């Protein structure tokens, strides 16, 4: 919780509302004080950062191929079988 401090924030609406509604960026105090930095540029960079986050997370949202799922399942069965066989033969 921040008390007694005024901060400038940028709210960027999400192009994909399934993930989040909006992103909140807290602008550094010296960001707008620099020469050549406009509010439009800061807003553009905030949108690029939010878009980059969405593109980065899309790899996890894609469904895996059936072949990959079958390979992982077979590997799990094999590993479990080896574990049980080792346990039985070591007793």
C-alpha atoms as a PDB file:
ATOM      1  CA  UNK A   1       0.000   0.000   0.000  1.00  0.00           C
ATOM      2  CA  UNK A   2       1.337   3.415  -0.952  1.00  0.00           C
ATOM      3  CA  UNK A   3       0.307   6.336   1.237  1.00  0.00           C
ATOM      4  CA  UNK A   4       0.920   9.999   0.650  1.00  0.00           C
ATOM      5  CA  UNK A   5       2.591   9.608  -2.722  1.00  0.00           C
ATOM      6  CA  UNK A   6       1.144  10.734  -6.009  1.00  0.00           C
ATOM      7  CA  UNK A   7       2.080   8.545  -8.959  1.00  0.00           C
ATOM      8  CA  UNK A   8       1.231   8.766 -12.619  1.00  0.00           C
ATOM      9  CA  UNK A   9      -0.147   5.546 -14.011  1.00  0.00           C
ATOM     10  CA  UNK A  10      -1.106   4.287 -17.441  1.00  0.00           C
ATOM     11  CA  UNK A  11      -3.973   1.828 -17.853  1.00  0.00           C
ATOM     12  CA  UNK A  12      -3.768  -0.316 -20.978  1.00  0.00           C
ATOM     13  CA  UNK A  13      -6.890  -2.267 -21.911  1.00  0.00           C
ATOM     14  CA  UNK A  14      -6.289  -5.875 -22.865  1.00  0.00           C
ATOM     15  CA  UNK A  15      -6.898  -6.967 -26.446  1.00  0.00           C
ATOM     16  CA  UNK A  16      -7.641 -10.459 -25.086  1.00  0.00           C
ATOM     17  CA  UNK A  17      -9.989 -10.136 -22.064  1.00  0.00           C
ATOM     18  CA  UNK A  18      -9.685 -13.856 -21.236  1.00  0.00           C
ATOM     19  CA  UNK A  19      -6.263 -13.221 -19.677  1.00  0.00           C
ATOM     20  CA  UNK A  20      -6.721  -9.907 -17.913  1.00  0.00           C
ATOM     21  CA  UNK A  21      -8.866  -6.797 -18.114  1.00  0.00           C
ATOM     22  CA  UNK A  22      -6.155  -4.161 -18.086  1.00  0.00           C
ATOM     23  CA  UNK A  23      -2.506  -3.619 -17.290  1.00  0.00           C
ATOM     24  CA  UNK A  24      -1.376  -0.892 -14.906  1.00  0.00           C
ATOM     25  CA  UNK A  25       1.990   0.766 -15.517  1.00  0.00           C
ATOM     26  CA  UNK A  26       3.480   3.141 -12.957  1.00  0.00           C
ATOM     27  CA  UNK A  27       5.384   5.883 -14.782  1.00  0.00           C
ATOM     28  CA  UNK A  28       8.760   6.929 -13.392  1.00  0.00           C
ATOM     29  CA  UNK A  29       8.814  10.528 -12.231  1.00  0.00           C
ATOM     30  CA  UNK A  30      11.767  11.429 -14.442  1.00  0.00           C
ATOM     31  CA  UNK A  31      10.348   9.693 -17.540  1.00  0.00           C
ATOM     32  CA  UNK A  32       8.246  12.619 -18.697  1.00  0.00           C
ATOM     33  CA  UNK A  33      10.837  15.183 -17.585  1.00  0.00           C
ATOM     34  CA  UNK A  34      13.382  14.033 -20.190  1.00  0.00           C
ATOM     35  CA  UNK A  35      13.629  15.860 -23.475  1.00  0.00           C
ATOM     36  CA  UNK A  36      12.033  14.113 -26.421  1.00  0.00           C
ATOM     37  CA  UNK A  37       9.790  11.932 -24.275  1.00  0.00           C
ATOM     38  CA  UNK A  38       6.129  12.602 -24.883  1.00  0.00           C
ATOM     39  CA  UNK A  39       3.056  11.128 -23.284  1.00  0.00           C
ATOM     40  CA  UNK A  40       2.271   9.414 -26.599  1.00  0.00           C
ATOM     41  CA  UNK A  41       5.663   7.677 -26.588  1.00  0.00           C
ATOM     42  CA  UNK A  42       5.208   6.473 -23.004  1.00  0.00           C
ATOM     43  CA  UNK A  43       1.739   5.148 -23.870  1.00  0.00           C
ATOM     44  CA  UNK A  44       3.080   3.427 -26.988  1.00  0.00           C
ATOM     45  CA  UNK A  45       5.825   1.685 -24.976  1.00  0.00           C
ATOM     46  CA  UNK A  46       3.284   0.573 -22.359  1.00  0.00           C
ATOM     47  CA  UNK A  47       1.110  -0.956 -25.092  1.00  0.00           C
ATOM     48  CA  UNK A  48       4.150  -2.706 -26.608  1.00  0.00           C
ATOM     49  CA  UNK A  49       5.067  -4.148 -23.205  1.00  0.00           C
ATOM     50  CA  UNK A  50       1.526  -5.435 -22.673  1.00  0.00           C
ATOM     51  CA  UNK A  51       1.427  -6.933 -26.187  1.00  0.00           C
ATOM     52  CA  UNK A  52       4.823  -8.570 -25.607  1.00  0.00           C
ATOM     53  CA  UNK A  53       3.516 -10.148 -22.433  1.00  0.00           C
ATOM     54  CA  UNK A  54       0.508 -11.551 -24.266  1.00  0.00           C
ATOM     55  CA  UNK A  55       2.635 -12.958 -27.086  1.00  0.00           C
ATOM     56  CA  UNK A  56       5.014 -14.527 -24.581  1.00  0.00           C
ATOM     57  CA  UNK A  57       2.182 -16.299 -22.742  1.00  0.00           C
ATOM     58  CA  UNK A  58       0.457 -17.667 -25.837  1.00  0.00           C
ATOM     59  CA  UNK A  59       2.895 -20.575 -26.127  1.00  0.00           C
ATOM     60  CA  UNK A  60       1.420 -22.044 -22.933  1.00  0.00           C
ATOM     61  CA  UNK A  61      -2.148 -21.586 -24.131  1.00  0.00           C
ATOM     62  CA  UNK A  62      -1.739 -23.657 -27.297  1.00  0.00           C
ATOM     63  CA  UNK A  63      -2.995 -27.216 -27.108  1.00  0.00           C
ATOM     64  CA  UNK A  64      -0.251 -29.814 -27.337  1.00  0.00           C
ATOM     65  CA  UNK A  65      -0.174 -32.148 -30.293  1.00  0.00           C
ATOM     66  CA  UNK A  66      -1.668 -35.617 -29.751  1.00  0.00           C
ATOM     67  CA  UNK A  67       1.658 -37.244 -30.608  1.00  0.00           C
ATOM     68  CA  UNK A  68       3.474 -35.224 -27.944  1.00  0.00           C
ATOM     69  CA  UNK A  69       0.809 -36.122 -25.375  1.00  0.00           C
ATOM     70  CA  UNK A  70       1.131 -39.806 -26.269  1.00  0.00           C
ATOM     71  CA  UNK A  71       4.926 -39.678 -25.904  1.00  0.00           C
ATOM     72  CA  UNK A  72       4.712 -38.002 -22.491  1.00  0.00           C
ATOM     73  CA  UNK A  73       2.099 -40.553 -21.393  1.00  0.00           C
ATOM     74  CA  UNK A  74       4.217 -43.483 -22.564  1.00  0.00           C
ATOM     75  CA  UNK A  75       7.248 -42.016 -20.804  1.00  0.00           C
ATOM     76  CA  UNK A  76       5.269 -41.696 -17.583  1.00  0.00           C
ATOM     77  CA  UNK A  77       4.026 -45.283 -17.812  1.00  0.00           C
ATOM     78  CA  UNK A  78       7.557 -46.531 -18.474  1.00  0.00           C
ATOM     79  CA  UNK A  79       9.013 -44.562 -15.573  1.00  0.00           C
ATOM     80  CA  UNK A  80       6.289 -45.756 -13.191  1.00  0.00           C
ATOM     81  CA  UNK A  81       6.764 -49.361 -14.312  1.00  0.00           C
ATOM     82  CA  UNK A  82      10.513 -49.170 -13.773  1.00  0.00           C
ATOM     83  CA  UNK A  83       9.936 -47.661 -10.341  1.00  0.00           C
ATOM     84  CA  UNK A  84       7.565 -50.425  -9.287  1.00  0.00           C
ATOM     85  CA  UNK A  85       9.795 -53.142 -10.758  1.00  0.00           C
ATOM     86  CA  UNK A  86      12.774 -51.751  -8.878  1.00  0.00           C
ATOM     87  CA  UNK A  87      10.773 -51.616  -5.652  1.00  0.00           C
ATOM     88  CA  UNK A  88       9.538 -55.211  -6.013  1.00  0.00           C
ATOM     89  CA  UNK A  89      12.954 -56.659  -6.873  1.00  0.00           C
ATOM     90  CA  UNK A  90      14.734 -54.778  -4.096  1.00  0.00           C
ATOM     91  CA  UNK A  91      12.416 -56.225  -1.449  1.00  0.00           C
END
